[in-house]
Amino acid sequence: MLDLPRAGTEAFRRWFQSRAWSGSHPWEIVFGHPHGIHLAPTLEDGHWRFSRLVSNRGLALEAVKMAIALGEAGIPLPLHGKDELVATLRGEDELEVAVSRQVSLEELEELRPGSTRQVRWDSPPVFRVRRLSRGA
């Protein structure tokens, strides 16, 4: 990508749609395993736009903080999977216990009675969402 001309929209499009960057993570701005937080370009109706994707639910709080900061700076960007991130922050999401299967806390307790007493929760951080007025 560094070899592309700065104003080369068509060159970028060809590079972006090629497999030249396959297997790499050029859009990952926060590392996570297997993926972190991505700020990635997408082509919509002939125009390039940025969107954010969070693949690692352990980064939910950081992703929400970024969304708030960008919104307050007047740079709203789509955040894919936002409902799942909010569920994670509320503690309403599914608990991953194996790569191939996820269970809720209720199901875990049913499968292994008493096991949920071993779950330790961090106190959730306090953050406030401030609505932006149009034109701000």
Protein backbone atom coordinates (compact mmCIF):
# COMPACT_ATOMS: atom_id res chain seq x y z
CA MET A 1 0.00 0.00 0.00
CA LEU A 2 2.90 2.37 0.66
CA ASP A 3 3.79 2.22 -3.04
CA LEU A 4 0.41 3.61 -4.12
CA PRO A 5 0.15 7.25 -5.23
CA ARG A 6 -1.36 9.51 -2.55
CA ALA A 7 -4.23 10.62 -4.81
CA GLY A 8 -4.53 7.27 -6.60
CA THR A 9 -8.13 6.35 -5.85
CA GLU A 10 -8.33 3.81 -8.66
CA ALA A 11 -4.94 2.31 -7.69
CA PHE A 12 -6.16 1.98 -4.10
CA ARG A 13 -9.38 0.33 -5.28
CA ARG A 14 -7.43 -2.24 -7.33
CA TRP A 15 -5.08 -2.91 -4.40
CA PHE A 16 -7.97 -3.11 -1.90
CA GLN A 17 -9.95 -5.56 -4.04
CA SER A 18 -6.86 -7.70 -4.73
CA ARG A 19 -5.41 -10.43 -2.53
CA ALA A 20 -2.19 -8.43 -2.06
CA TRP A 21 -2.93 -7.80 1.61
CA SER A 22 -4.68 -11.10 2.31
CA GLY A 23 -3.63 -12.60 5.63
CA SER A 24 -2.44 -9.30 7.08
CA HIS A 25 -4.31 -6.88 9.30
CA PRO A 26 -3.61 -3.41 7.89
CA TRP A 27 -6.77 -1.99 9.48
CA GLU A 28 -6.22 -3.31 13.02
CA ILE A 29 -5.68 -0.25 15.23
CA VAL A 30 -5.87 -2.14 18.55
CA PHE A 31 -4.33 -5.60 18.66
CA GLY A 32 -6.42 -8.49 19.88
CA HIS A 33 -6.44 -12.23 19.47
CA PRO A 34 -7.41 -13.42 16.97
CA HIS A 35 -8.42 -9.87 15.92
CA GLY A 36 -8.80 -6.60 17.77
CA ILE A 37 -10.40 -3.30 16.81
CA HIS A 38 -10.34 -2.45 13.11
CA LEU A 39 -10.81 0.89 11.42
CA ALA A 40 -11.40 -0.27 7.87
CA PRO A 41 -12.36 1.37 4.59
CA THR A 42 -15.45 0.13 2.77
CA LEU A 43 -16.70 1.08 -0.67
CA GLU A 44 -20.36 2.12 -0.56
CA ASP A 45 -22.19 3.53 -3.58
CA GLY A 46 -18.89 4.45 -5.22
CA HIS A 47 -17.61 6.33 -2.13
CA TRP A 48 -15.04 5.24 0.42
CA ARG A 49 -16.16 5.26 4.05
CA PHE A 50 -14.58 4.07 7.26
CA SER A 51 -16.25 1.75 9.72
CA ARG A 52 -15.15 0.05 12.92
CA LEU A 53 -15.28 -3.62 13.73
CA VAL A 54 -14.50 -5.21 17.08
CA SER A 55 -13.75 -8.91 16.84
CA ASN A 56 -12.61 -9.40 20.43
CA ARG A 57 -15.38 -8.83 23.01
CA GLY A 58 -12.69 -8.22 25.62
CA LEU A 59 -12.14 -4.89 23.87
CA ALA A 60 -15.81 -3.83 24.19
CA LEU A 61 -15.13 -1.02 26.66
CA GLU A 62 -12.26 0.39 24.58
CA ALA A 63 -14.45 0.27 21.46
CA VAL A 64 -17.30 2.12 23.17
CA LYS A 65 -14.89 4.75 24.53
CA MET A 66 -13.57 5.24 21.00
CA ALA A 67 -17.11 5.56 19.64
CA ILE A 68 -17.96 8.21 22.24
CA ALA A 69 -14.74 10.15 21.65
CA LEU A 70 -15.16 10.09 17.87
CA GLY A 71 -18.80 11.15 18.18
CA GLU A 72 -17.88 14.02 20.50
CA ALA A 73 -15.24 15.11 17.98
CA GLY A 74 -17.90 15.17 15.26
CA ILE A 75 -16.59 12.06 13.51
CA PRO A 76 -19.37 9.49 13.82
CA LEU A 77 -18.42 6.17 12.26
CA PRO A 78 -20.48 3.00 12.01
CA LEU A 79 -19.63 0.45 14.70
CA HIS A 80 -20.44 -3.04 13.48
CA GLY A 81 -21.71 -5.43 16.14
CA LYS A 82 -22.66 -2.62 18.54
CA ASP A 83 -25.60 -4.57 20.00
CA GLU A 84 -23.29 -7.46 20.91
CA LEU A 85 -20.79 -5.03 22.49
CA VAL A 86 -23.51 -3.44 24.63
CA ALA A 87 -24.66 -6.92 25.70
CA THR A 88 -21.07 -7.67 26.70
CA LEU A 89 -20.83 -4.51 28.80
CA ARG A 90 -24.17 -5.30 30.46
CA GLY A 91 -23.08 -8.87 31.19
CA GLU A 92 -25.87 -10.25 29.03
CA ASP A 93 -23.70 -11.93 26.44
CA GLU A 94 -22.76 -15.56 26.02
CA LEU A 95 -19.71 -16.88 27.84
CA GLU A 96 -17.19 -18.60 25.59
CA VAL A 97 -15.92 -21.77 27.23
CA ALA A 98 -14.58 -23.50 24.13
CA VAL A 99 -13.81 -22.50 20.60
CA SER A 100 -16.67 -24.55 19.21
CA ARG A 101 -19.45 -23.72 21.70
CA GLN A 102 -20.75 -20.84 23.83
CA VAL A 103 -23.08 -21.15 26.81
CA SER A 104 -24.92 -18.67 28.99
CA LEU A 105 -24.21 -18.55 32.73
CA GLU A 106 -27.57 -20.21 33.34
CA GLU A 107 -26.69 -23.11 31.05
CA LEU A 108 -23.23 -23.42 32.62
CA GLU A 109 -24.82 -23.66 36.07
CA GLU A 110 -27.24 -26.28 34.80
CA LEU A 111 -24.42 -28.31 33.20
CA ARG A 112 -22.00 -27.90 36.12
CA PRO A 113 -23.94 -27.02 39.30
CA GLY A 114 -21.96 -24.66 41.51
CA SER A 115 -19.44 -23.74 38.82
CA THR A 116 -20.75 -20.20 38.40
CA ARG A 117 -19.77 -19.43 42.01
CA GLN A 118 -16.20 -19.49 40.69
CA VAL A 119 -16.89 -16.67 38.22
CA ARG A 120 -15.40 -13.38 39.38
CA TRP A 121 -16.59 -10.12 37.88
CA ASP A 122 -14.75 -6.81 37.77
CA SER A 123 -16.83 -3.83 38.76
CA PRO A 124 -18.13 -2.26 35.57
CA PRO A 125 -16.64 1.12 34.76
CA VAL A 126 -18.93 4.12 34.88
CA PHE A 127 -19.30 6.09 31.69
CA ARG A 128 -21.87 8.55 30.52
CA VAL A 129 -23.18 8.99 27.01
CA ARG A 130 -23.73 12.58 26.00
CA ARG A 131 -26.02 13.20 23.06
CA LEU A 132 -24.59 15.52 20.44
CA SER A 133 -26.81 18.18 19.01
CA ARG A 134 -26.92 18.60 15.25
CA GLY A 135 -24.40 21.13 14.01
CA ALA A 136 -22.25 20.84 17.15
